[in-house]
Amino acid sequence: MSSQDYMEHIHPDDLSAVLKEQKRVLKKNGIALHFIPFYKDFKSPVQIDAHLCTANRSWWKNILEQTNILTLEFMPDEEDQWDYTHGLLSQYIVLRNPE
């Protein structure tokens, strides 16, 4: 399963339910790949137009680890998130269903 520029359109209050649904449809050890743009200026999520969850890397890392629904295996650096030298997939967040 993969998405690009999707997760930031989900309200923060609904992220847990979305992650639970992703876990439900993933097989054991299945992987979800998400490209989520980081915004350095926002330590907590803000709404900007259709982006309901505009936030920095630290906020996303914390929310993905705290929900403990899918295991966070990789998250790109904020500084080079837009550097596609090694391809776009190297900038995706990798989540795994451990169950």
PDB file of N, CA and C in Angstrom:
ATOM      1  N   MET A   1       0.856  -1.153   0.000  1.00  0.00           N
ATOM      2  CA  MET A   1       0.000   0.000   0.000  1.00  0.00           C
ATOM      3  C   MET A   1       0.907   1.222   0.000  1.00  0.00           C
ATOM      4  N   SER A   2       0.544   2.205  -0.793  1.00  0.00           N
ATOM      5  CA  SER A   2       1.334   3.431  -0.797  1.00  0.00           C
ATOM      6  C   SER A   2       0.435   4.633  -1.064  1.00  0.00           C
ATOM      7  N   SER A   3       0.915   5.788  -0.613  1.00  0.00           N
ATOM      8  CA  SER A   3       0.199   7.032  -0.871  1.00  0.00           C
ATOM      9  C   SER A   3       1.209   8.156  -1.048  1.00  0.00           C
ATOM     10  N   GLN A   4       0.807   9.137  -1.798  1.00  0.00           N
ATOM     11  CA  GLN A   4       1.626  10.326  -1.959  1.00  0.00           C
ATOM     12  C   GLN A   4       0.735  11.536  -1.749  1.00  0.00           C
ATOM     13  N   ASP A   5       1.142  12.377  -0.806  1.00  0.00           N
ATOM     14  CA  ASP A   5       0.392  13.595  -0.503  1.00  0.00           C
ATOM     15  C   ASP A   5      -1.067  13.285  -0.141  1.00  0.00           C
ATOM     16  N   TYR A   6      -1.242  12.343   0.749  1.00  0.00           N
ATOM     17  CA  TYR A   6      -2.583  11.946   1.206  1.00  0.00           C
ATOM     18  C   TYR A   6      -2.748  12.196   2.711  1.00  0.00           C
ATOM     19  N   MET A   7      -1.794  11.728   3.492  1.00  0.00           N
ATOM     20  CA  MET A   7      -1.943  11.743   4.947  1.00  0.00           C
ATOM     21  C   MET A   7      -2.103  13.150   5.514  1.00  0.00           C
ATOM     22  N   GLU A   8      -1.504  14.149   4.879  1.00  0.00           N
ATOM     23  CA  GLU A   8      -1.628  15.512   5.393  1.00  0.00           C
ATOM     24  C   GLU A   8      -3.023  16.102   5.149  1.00  0.00           C
ATOM     25  N   HIS A   9      -3.859  15.375   4.415  1.00  0.00           N
ATOM     26  CA  HIS A   9      -5.234  15.817   4.171  1.00  0.00           C
ATOM     27  C   HIS A   9      -6.217  15.227   5.182  1.00  0.00           C
ATOM     28  N   ILE A  10      -5.701  14.470   6.130  1.00  0.00           N
ATOM     29  CA  ILE A  10      -6.528  13.847   7.163  1.00  0.00           C
ATOM     30  C   ILE A  10      -6.430  14.689   8.431  1.00  0.00           C
ATOM     31  N   HIS A  11      -7.556  14.942   9.059  1.00  0.00           N
ATOM     32  CA  HIS A  11      -7.548  15.705  10.307  1.00  0.00           C
ATOM     33  C   HIS A  11      -6.791  14.907  11.370  1.00  0.00           C
ATOM     34  N   PRO A  12      -5.992  15.567  12.204  1.00  0.00           N
ATOM     35  CA  PRO A  12      -5.228  14.856  13.237  1.00  0.00           C
ATOM     36  C   PRO A  12      -6.080  13.946  14.117  1.00  0.00           C
ATOM     37  N   ASP A  13      -7.328  14.350  14.387  1.00  0.00           N
ATOM     38  CA  ASP A  13      -8.210  13.522  15.216  1.00  0.00           C
ATOM     39  C   ASP A  13      -8.592  12.215  14.531  1.00  0.00           C
ATOM     40  N   ASP A  14      -8.461  12.156  13.213  1.00  0.00           N
ATOM     41  CA  ASP A  14      -8.853  10.968  12.461  1.00  0.00           C
ATOM     42  C   ASP A  14      -7.673  10.074  12.066  1.00  0.00           C
ATOM     43  N   LEU A  15      -6.451  10.501  12.351  1.00  0.00           N
ATOM     44  CA  LEU A  15      -5.277   9.725  11.932  1.00  0.00           C
ATOM     45  C   LEU A  15      -5.248   8.323  12.525  1.00  0.00           C
ATOM     46  N   SER A  16      -5.614   8.204  13.779  1.00  0.00           N
ATOM     47  CA  SER A  16      -5.610   6.893  14.430  1.00  0.00           C
ATOM     48  C   SER A  16      -6.540   5.920  13.714  1.00  0.00           C
ATOM     49  N   ALA A  17      -7.736   6.370  13.370  1.00  0.00           N
ATOM     50  CA  ALA A  17      -8.694   5.507  12.668  1.00  0.00           C
ATOM     51  C   ALA A  17      -8.179   5.120  11.281  1.00  0.00           C
ATOM     52  N   VAL A  18      -7.539   6.051  10.603  1.00  0.00           N
ATOM     53  CA  VAL A  18      -6.985   5.769   9.277  1.00  0.00           C
ATOM     54  C   VAL A  18      -5.856   4.745   9.386  1.00  0.00           C
ATOM     55  N   LEU A  19      -4.993   4.897  10.376  1.00  0.00           N
ATOM     56  CA  LEU A  19      -3.903   3.928  10.570  1.00  0.00           C
ATOM     57  C   LEU A  19      -4.444   2.544  10.952  1.00  0.00           C
ATOM     58  N   LYS A  20      -5.500   2.508  11.754  1.00  0.00           N
ATOM     59  CA  LYS A  20      -6.120   1.220  12.112  1.00  0.00           C
ATOM     60  C   LYS A  20      -6.690   0.522  10.881  1.00  0.00           C
ATOM     61  N   GLU A  21      -7.292   1.294   9.995  1.00  0.00           N
ATOM     62  CA  GLU A  21      -7.829   0.706   8.765  1.00  0.00           C
ATOM     63  C   GLU A  21      -6.696   0.203   7.867  1.00  0.00           C
ATOM     64  N   GLN A  22      -5.616   0.939   7.814  1.00  0.00           N
ATOM     65  CA  GLN A  22      -4.469   0.478   7.029  1.00  0.00           C
ATOM     66  C   GLN A  22      -3.933  -0.830   7.595  1.00  0.00           C
ATOM     67  N   LYS A  23      -3.852  -0.915   8.909  1.00  0.00           N
ATOM     68  CA  LYS A  23      -3.386  -2.151   9.545  1.00  0.00           C
ATOM     69  C   LYS A  23      -4.337  -3.307   9.236  1.00  0.00           C
ATOM     70  N   ARG A  24      -5.622  -3.022   9.258  1.00  0.00           N
ATOM     71  CA  ARG A  24      -6.612  -4.069   9.009  1.00  0.00           C
ATOM     72  C   ARG A  24      -6.447  -4.688   7.622  1.00  0.00           C
ATOM     73  N   VAL A  25      -6.154  -3.868   6.619  1.00  0.00           N
ATOM     74  CA  VAL A  25      -6.074  -4.385   5.259  1.00  0.00           C
ATOM     75  C   VAL A  25      -4.679  -4.906   4.885  1.00  0.00           C
ATOM     76  N   LEU A  26      -3.675  -4.592   5.705  1.00  0.00           N
ATOM     77  CA  LEU A  26      -2.328  -5.104   5.428  1.00  0.00           C
ATOM     78  C   LEU A  26      -2.168  -6.520   5.963  1.00  0.00           C
ATOM     79  N   LYS A  27      -1.499  -7.351   5.216  1.00  0.00           N
ATOM     80  CA  LYS A  27      -1.159  -8.683   5.706  1.00  0.00           C
ATOM     81  C   LYS A  27      -0.100  -8.553   6.792  1.00  0.00           C
ATOM     82  N   LYS A  28       0.134  -9.644   7.520  1.00  0.00           N
ATOM     83  CA  LYS A  28       1.202  -9.663   8.513  1.00  0.00           C
ATOM     84  C   LYS A  28       2.507  -9.310   7.816  1.00  0.00           C
ATOM     85  N   ASN A  29       3.263  -8.409   8.405  1.00  0.00           N
ATOM     86  CA  ASN A  29       4.515  -7.874   7.862  1.00  0.00           C
ATOM     87  C   ASN A  29       4.312  -7.061   6.593  1.00  0.00           C
ATOM     88  N   GLY A  30       3.054  -6.738   6.262  1.00  0.00           N
ATOM     89  CA  GLY A  30       2.786  -5.885   5.116  1.00  0.00           C
ATOM     90  C   GLY A  30       3.304  -4.477   5.365  1.00  0.00           C
ATOM     91  N   ILE A  31       3.615  -3.783   4.296  1.00  0.00           N
ATOM     92  CA  ILE A  31       4.222  -2.464   4.392  1.00  0.00           C
ATOM     93  C   ILE A  31       3.306  -1.404   3.789  1.00  0.00           C
ATOM     94  N   ALA A  32       3.233  -0.276   4.476  1.00  0.00           N
ATOM     95  CA  ALA A  32       2.549   0.915   3.962  1.00  0.00           C
ATOM     96  C   ALA A  32       3.615   1.979   3.732  1.00  0.00           C
ATOM     97  N   LEU A  33       3.646   2.530   2.539  1.00  0.00           N
ATOM     98  CA  LEU A  33       4.585   3.592   2.189  1.00  0.00           C
ATOM     99  C   LEU A  33       3.795   4.890   2.033  1.00  0.00           C
ATOM    100  N   HIS A  34       4.253   5.934   2.683  1.00  0.00           N
ATOM    101  CA  HIS A  34       3.560   7.223   2.596  1.00  0.00           C
ATOM    102  C   HIS A  34       4.556   8.339   2.357  1.00  0.00           C
ATOM    103  N   PHE A  35       4.292   9.148   1.338  1.00  0.00           N
ATOM    104  CA  PHE A  35       5.040  10.391   1.184  1.00  0.00           C
ATOM    105  C   PHE A  35       4.231  11.472   1.862  1.00  0.00           C
ATOM    106  N   ILE A  36       4.773  12.008   2.940  1.00  0.00           N
ATOM    107  CA  ILE A  36       4.104  13.059   3.708  1.00  0.00           C
ATOM    108  C   ILE A  36       5.036  14.268   3.719  1.00  0.00           C
ATOM    109  N   PRO A  37       4.631  15.371   3.130  1.00  0.00           N
ATOM    110  CA  PRO A  37       5.509  16.543   3.152  1.00  0.00           C
ATOM    111  C   PRO A  37       5.636  17.114   4.560  1.00  0.00           C
ATOM    112  N   PHE A  38       6.861  17.469   4.926  1.00  0.00           N
ATOM    113  CA  PHE A  38       7.127  18.093   6.220  1.00  0.00           C
ATOM    114  C   PHE A  38       7.184  19.607   6.052  1.00  0.00           C
ATOM    115  N   TYR A  39       6.740  20.310   7.063  1.00  0.00           N
ATOM    116  CA  TYR A  39       6.770  21.768   7.070  1.00  0.00           C
ATOM    117  C   TYR A  39       7.456  22.218   8.359  1.00  0.00           C
ATOM    118  N   LYS A  40       8.702  22.643   8.249  1.00  0.00           N
ATOM    119  CA  LYS A  40       9.536  22.970   9.412  1.00  0.00           C
ATOM    120  C   LYS A  40       8.900  23.953  10.379  1.00  0.00           C
ATOM    121  N   ASP A  41       8.115  24.875   9.879  1.00  0.00           N
ATOM    122  CA  ASP A  41       7.584  25.952  10.720  1.00  0.00           C
ATOM    123  C   ASP A  41       6.451  25.522  11.649  1.00  0.00           C
ATOM    124  N   PHE A  42       5.954  24.300  11.504  1.00  0.00           N
ATOM    125  CA  PHE A  42       4.773  23.891  12.267  1.00  0.00           C
ATOM    126  C   PHE A  42       5.092  22.720  13.193  1.00  0.00           C
ATOM    127  N   LYS A  43       5.263  23.039  14.491  1.00  0.00           N
ATOM    128  CA  LYS A  43       5.579  22.012  15.493  1.00  0.00           C
ATOM    129  C   LYS A  43       4.353  21.197  15.891  1.00  0.00           C
ATOM    130  N   SER A  44       3.185  21.748  15.623  1.00  0.00           N
ATOM    131  CA  SER A  44       1.936  21.016  15.807  1.00  0.00           C
ATOM    132  C   SER A  44       1.105  21.258  14.553  1.00  0.00           C
ATOM    133  N   PRO A  45       0.186  20.356  14.244  1.00  0.00           N
ATOM    134  CA  PRO A  45      -0.527  20.455  12.967  1.00  0.00           C
ATOM    135  C   PRO A  45      -1.424  21.684  12.869  1.00  0.00           C
ATOM    136  N   VAL A  46      -1.408  22.266  11.699  1.00  0.00           N
ATOM    137  CA  VAL A  46      -2.293  23.388  11.385  1.00  0.00           C
ATOM    138  C   VAL A  46      -2.977  23.084  10.059  1.00  0.00           C
ATOM    139  N   GLN A  47      -4.092  23.738   9.832  1.00  0.00           N
ATOM    140  CA  GLN A  47      -4.803  23.569   8.563  1.00  0.00           C
ATOM    141  C   GLN A  47      -4.416  24.703   7.627  1.00  0.00           C
ATOM    142  N   ILE A  48      -3.972  24.335   6.440  1.00  0.00           N
ATOM    143  CA  ILE A  48      -3.695  25.298   5.381  1.00  0.00           C
ATOM    144  C   ILE A  48      -4.417  24.778   4.142  1.00  0.00           C
ATOM    145  N   ASP A  49      -5.476  25.467   3.768  1.00  0.00           N
ATOM    146  CA  ASP A  49      -6.317  25.051   2.650  1.00  0.00           C
ATOM    147  C   ASP A  49      -6.802  23.624   2.886  1.00  0.00           C
ATOM    148  N   ALA A  50      -6.566  22.722   1.939  1.00  0.00           N
ATOM    149  CA  ALA A  50      -7.040  21.343   2.060  1.00  0.00           C
ATOM    150  C   ALA A  50      -6.118  20.477   2.927  1.00  0.00           C
ATOM    151  N   HIS A  51      -4.958  21.008   3.296  1.00  0.00           N
ATOM    152  CA  HIS A  51      -4.050  20.260   4.177  1.00  0.00           C
ATOM    153  C   HIS A  51      -4.527  20.446   5.616  1.00  0.00           C
ATOM    154  N   LEU A  52      -5.132  19.423   6.168  1.00  0.00           N
ATOM    155  CA  LEU A  52      -5.672  19.503   7.523  1.00  0.00           C
ATOM    156  C   LEU A  52      -4.623  19.202   8.576  1.00  0.00           C
ATOM    157  N   CYS A  53      -3.486  18.667   8.128  1.00  0.00           N
ATOM    158  CA  CYS A  53      -2.470  18.210   9.067  1.00  0.00           C
ATOM    159  C   CYS A  53      -1.074  18.625   8.573  1.00  0.00           C
ATOM    160  N   THR A  54      -0.855  19.920   8.490  1.00  0.00           N
ATOM    161  CA  THR A  54       0.431  20.463   8.074  1.00  0.00           C
ATOM    162  C   THR A  54       1.324  20.543   9.306  1.00  0.00           C
ATOM    163  N   ALA A  55       2.410  19.758   9.318  1.00  0.00           N
ATOM    164  CA  ALA A  55       3.268  19.707  10.507  1.00  0.00           C
ATOM    165  C   ALA A  55       4.700  19.335  10.108  1.00  0.00           C
ATOM    166  N   ASN A  56       5.601  19.478  11.080  1.00  0.00           N
ATOM    167  CA  ASN A  56       7.000  19.144  10.802  1.00  0.00           C
ATOM    168  C   ASN A  56       7.276  17.647  11.014  1.00  0.00           C
ATOM    169  N   ARG A  57       8.492  17.250  10.707  1.00  0.00           N
ATOM    170  CA  ARG A  57       8.893  15.850  10.804  1.00  0.00           C
ATOM    171  C   ARG A  57       8.745  15.311  12.232  1.00  0.00           C
ATOM    172  N   SER A  58       9.155  16.094  13.213  1.00  0.00           N
ATOM    173  CA  SER A  58       9.085  15.634  14.607  1.00  0.00           C
ATOM    174  C   SER A  58       7.656  15.308  15.024  1.00  0.00           C
ATOM    175  N   TRP A  59       6.719  16.159  14.622  1.00  0.00           N
ATOM    176  CA  TRP A  59       5.330  15.884  14.984  1.00  0.00           C
ATOM    177  C   TRP A  59       4.857  14.582  14.353  1.00  0.00           C
ATOM    178  N   TRP A  60       5.135  14.401  13.054  1.00  0.00           N
ATOM    179  CA  TRP A  60       4.724  13.174  12.376  1.00  0.00           C
ATOM    180  C   TRP A  60       5.377  11.951  13.007  1.00  0.00           C
ATOM    181  N   LYS A  61       6.661  12.042  13.315  1.00  0.00           N
ATOM    182  CA  LYS A  61       7.364  10.909  13.934  1.00  0.00           C
ATOM    183  C   LYS A  61       6.715  10.555  15.263  1.00  0.00           C
ATOM    184  N   ASN A  62       6.454  11.567  16.087  1.00  0.00           N
ATOM    185  CA  ASN A  62       5.829  11.321  17.391  1.00  0.00           C
ATOM    186  C   ASN A  62       4.450  10.702  17.255  1.00  0.00           C
ATOM    187  N   ILE A  63       3.620  11.227  16.374  1.00  0.00           N
ATOM    188  CA  ILE A  63       2.253  10.708  16.260  1.00  0.00           C
ATOM    189  C   ILE A  63       2.252   9.273  15.728  1.00  0.00           C
ATOM    190  N   LEU A  64       3.135   8.979  14.783  1.00  0.00           N
ATOM    191  CA  LEU A  64       3.185   7.622  14.239  1.00  0.00           C
ATOM    192  C   LEU A  64       3.714   6.628  15.272  1.00  0.00           C
ATOM    193  N   GLU A  65       4.662   7.043  16.093  1.00  0.00           N
ATOM    194  CA  GLU A  65       5.186   6.150  17.136  1.00  0.00           C
ATOM    195  C   GLU A  65       4.223   6.024  18.309  1.00  0.00           C
ATOM    196  N   GLN A  66       3.565   7.105  18.675  1.00  0.00           N
ATOM    197  CA  GLN A  66       2.663   7.076  19.834  1.00  0.00           C
ATOM    198  C   GLN A  66       1.404   6.254  19.585  1.00  0.00           C
ATOM    199  N   THR A  67       0.903   6.269  18.350  1.00  0.00           N
ATOM    200  CA  THR A  67      -0.305   5.487  18.097  1.00  0.00           C
ATOM    201  C   THR A  67      -0.016   4.002  18.224  1.00  0.00           C
ATOM    202  N   ASN A  68       1.226   3.601  17.938  1.00  0.00           N
ATOM    203  CA  ASN A  68       1.655   2.202  18.078  1.00  0.00           C
ATOM    204  C   ASN A  68       0.740   1.247  17.317  1.00  0.00           C
ATOM    205  N   ILE A  69       0.207   1.710  16.192  1.00  0.00           N
ATOM    206  CA  ILE A  69      -0.684   0.885  15.373  1.00  0.00           C
ATOM    207  C   ILE A  69       0.114   0.143  14.317  1.00  0.00           C
ATOM    208  N   LEU A  70       0.940   0.886  13.597  1.00  0.00           N
ATOM    209  CA  LEU A  70       1.877   0.310  12.639  1.00  0.00           C
ATOM    210  C   LEU A  70       3.277   0.684  13.093  1.00  0.00           C
ATOM    211  N   THR A  71       4.242  -0.175  12.877  1.00  0.00           N
ATOM    212  CA  THR A  71       5.605   0.080  13.318  1.00  0.00           C
ATOM    213  C   THR A  71       6.322   0.998  12.328  1.00  0.00           C
ATOM    214  N   LEU A  72       6.849   2.101  12.838  1.00  0.00           N
ATOM    215  CA  LEU A  72       7.612   3.028  12.002  1.00  0.00           C
ATOM    216  C   LEU A  72       8.998   2.449  11.764  1.00  0.00           C
ATOM    217  N   GLU A  73       9.325   2.190  10.497  1.00  0.00           N
ATOM    218  CA  GLU A  73      10.619   1.604  10.172  1.00  0.00           C
ATOM    219  C   GLU A  73      11.573   2.578   9.509  1.00  0.00           C
ATOM    220  N   PHE A  74      11.052   3.585   8.831  1.00  0.00           N
ATOM    221  CA  PHE A  74      11.922   4.558   8.181  1.00  0.00           C
ATOM    222  C   PHE A  74      11.175   5.860   7.990  1.00  0.00           C
ATOM    223  N   MET A  75      11.894   6.956   8.217  1.00  0.00           N
ATOM    224  CA  MET A  75      11.349   8.288   7.958  1.00  0.00           C
ATOM    225  C   MET A  75      12.482   9.132   7.406  1.00  0.00           C
ATOM    226  N   PRO A  76      12.271   9.775   6.258  1.00  0.00           N
ATOM    227  CA  PRO A  76      13.350  10.568   5.658  1.00  0.00           C
ATOM    228  C   PRO A  76      13.704  11.781   6.511  1.00  0.00           C
ATOM    229  N   ASP A  77      14.886  12.310   6.279  1.00  0.00           N
ATOM    230  CA  ASP A  77      15.303  13.535   6.957  1.00  0.00           C
ATOM    231  C   ASP A  77      14.517  14.716   6.415  1.00  0.00           C
ATOM    232  N   GLU A  78      14.244  15.646   7.277  1.00  0.00           N
ATOM    233  CA  GLU A  78      13.499  16.832   6.864  1.00  0.00           C
ATOM    234  C   GLU A  78      14.320  17.697   5.911  1.00  0.00           C
ATOM    235  N   GLU A  79      15.618  17.775   6.140  1.00  0.00           N
ATOM    236  CA  GLU A  79      16.476  18.654   5.343  1.00  0.00           C
ATOM    237  C   GLU A  79      16.511  18.272   3.868  1.00  0.00           C
ATOM    238  N   ASP A  80      16.519  16.981   3.582  1.00  0.00           N
ATOM    239  CA  ASP A  80      16.641  16.563   2.174  1.00  0.00           C
ATOM    240  C   ASP A  80      15.401  15.850   1.651  1.00  0.00           C
ATOM    241  N   GLN A  81      14.257  16.143   2.243  1.00  0.00           N
ATOM    242  CA  GLN A  81      13.033  15.454   1.844  1.00  0.00           C
ATOM    243  C   GLN A  81      12.708  15.665   0.366  1.00  0.00           C
ATOM    244  N   TRP A  82      13.068  16.789  -0.185  1.00  0.00           N
ATOM    245  CA  TRP A  82      12.728  17.098  -1.569  1.00  0.00           C
ATOM    246  C   TRP A  82      13.869  16.785  -2.532  1.00  0.00           C
ATOM    247  N   ASP A  83      14.919  16.122  -2.055  1.00  0.00           N
ATOM    248  CA  ASP A  83      16.044  15.732  -2.904  1.00  0.00           C
ATOM    249  C   ASP A  83      15.764  14.341  -3.464  1.00  0.00           C
ATOM    250  N   TYR A  84      15.466  14.277  -4.749  1.00  0.00           N
ATOM    251  CA  TYR A  84      15.097  13.004  -5.370  1.00  0.00           C
ATOM    252  C   TYR A  84      16.274  12.345  -6.083  1.00  0.00           C
ATOM    253  N   THR A  85      17.501  12.691  -5.704  1.00  0.00           N
ATOM    254  CA  THR A  85      18.697  12.117  -6.314  1.00  0.00           C
ATOM    255  C   THR A  85      18.646  10.592  -6.302  1.00  0.00           C
ATOM    256  N   HIS A  86      18.150  10.038  -5.219  1.00  0.00           N
ATOM    257  CA  HIS A  86      18.072   8.578  -5.081  1.00  0.00           C
ATOM    258  C   HIS A  86      16.658   8.064  -5.368  1.00  0.00           C
ATOM    259  N   GLY A  87      15.855   8.874  -6.025  1.00  0.00           N
ATOM    260  CA  GLY A  87      14.495   8.478  -6.380  1.00  0.00           C
ATOM    261  C   GLY A  87      13.490   8.932  -5.345  1.00  0.00           C
ATOM    262  N   LEU A  88      12.258   9.020  -5.771  1.00  0.00           N
ATOM    263  CA  LEU A  88      11.182   9.474  -4.888  1.00  0.00           C
ATOM    264  C   LEU A  88      10.902   8.478  -3.770  1.00  0.00           C
ATOM    265  N   LEU A  89      10.992   7.178  -4.061  1.00  0.00           N
ATOM    266  CA  LEU A  89      10.658   6.185  -3.030  1.00  0.00           C
ATOM    267  C   LEU A  89      11.568   6.269  -1.819  1.00  0.00           C
ATOM    268  N   SER A  90      12.781   6.777  -1.984  1.00  0.00           N
ATOM    269  CA  SER A  90      13.678   6.900  -0.835  1.00  0.00           C
ATOM    270  C   SER A  90      13.195   7.973   0.137  1.00  0.00           C
ATOM    271  N   GLN A  91      12.195   8.749  -0.246  1.00  0.00           N
ATOM    272  CA  GLN A  91      11.671   9.798   0.618  1.00  0.00           C
ATOM    273  C   GLN A  91      10.347   9.392   1.280  1.00  0.00           C
ATOM    274  N   TYR A  92       9.938   8.161   1.088  1.00  0.00           N
ATOM    275  CA  TYR A  92       8.684   7.679   1.674  1.00  0.00           C
ATOM    276  C   TYR A  92       8.888   7.202   3.105  1.00  0.00           C
ATOM    277  N   ILE A  93       7.871   7.399   3.923  1.00  0.00           N
ATOM    278  CA  ILE A  93       7.836   6.842   5.278  1.00  0.00           C
ATOM    279  C   ILE A  93       7.413   5.388   5.150  1.00  0.00           C
ATOM    280  N   VAL A  94       8.095   4.501   5.861  1.00  0.00           N
ATOM    281  CA  VAL A  94       7.797   3.067   5.803  1.00  0.00           C
ATOM    282  C   VAL A  94       7.180   2.647   7.137  1.00  0.00           C
ATOM    283  N   LEU A  95       5.960   2.119   7.057  1.00  0.00           N
ATOM    284  CA  LEU A  95       5.258   1.582   8.208  1.00  0.00           C
ATOM    285  C   LEU A  95       5.001   0.097   7.965  1.00  0.00           C
ATOM    286  N   ARG A  96       5.128  -0.729   9.004  1.00  0.00           N
ATOM    287  CA  ARG A  96       4.924  -2.169   8.851  1.00  0.00           C
ATOM    288  C   ARG A  96       3.870  -2.661   9.827  1.00  0.00           C
ATOM    289  N   ASN A  97       3.080  -3.620   9.354  1.00  0.00           N
ATOM    290  CA  ASN A  97       2.109  -4.296  10.219  1.00  0.00           C
ATOM    291  C   ASN A  97       2.819  -5.490  10.844  1.00  0.00           C
ATOM    292  N   PRO A  98       3.168  -5.417  12.135  1.00  0.00           N
ATOM    293  CA  PRO A  98       3.932  -6.507  12.753  1.00  0.00           C
ATOM    294  C   PRO A  98       3.094  -7.742  13.073  1.00  0.00           C
ATOM    295  N   GLU A  99       1.778  -7.604  12.972  1.00  0.00           N
ATOM    296  CA  GLU A  99       0.917  -8.738  13.384  1.00  0.00           C
ATOM    297  C   GLU A  99       0.431  -9.529  12.192  1.00  0.00           C
TER     298      GLU A  99
END
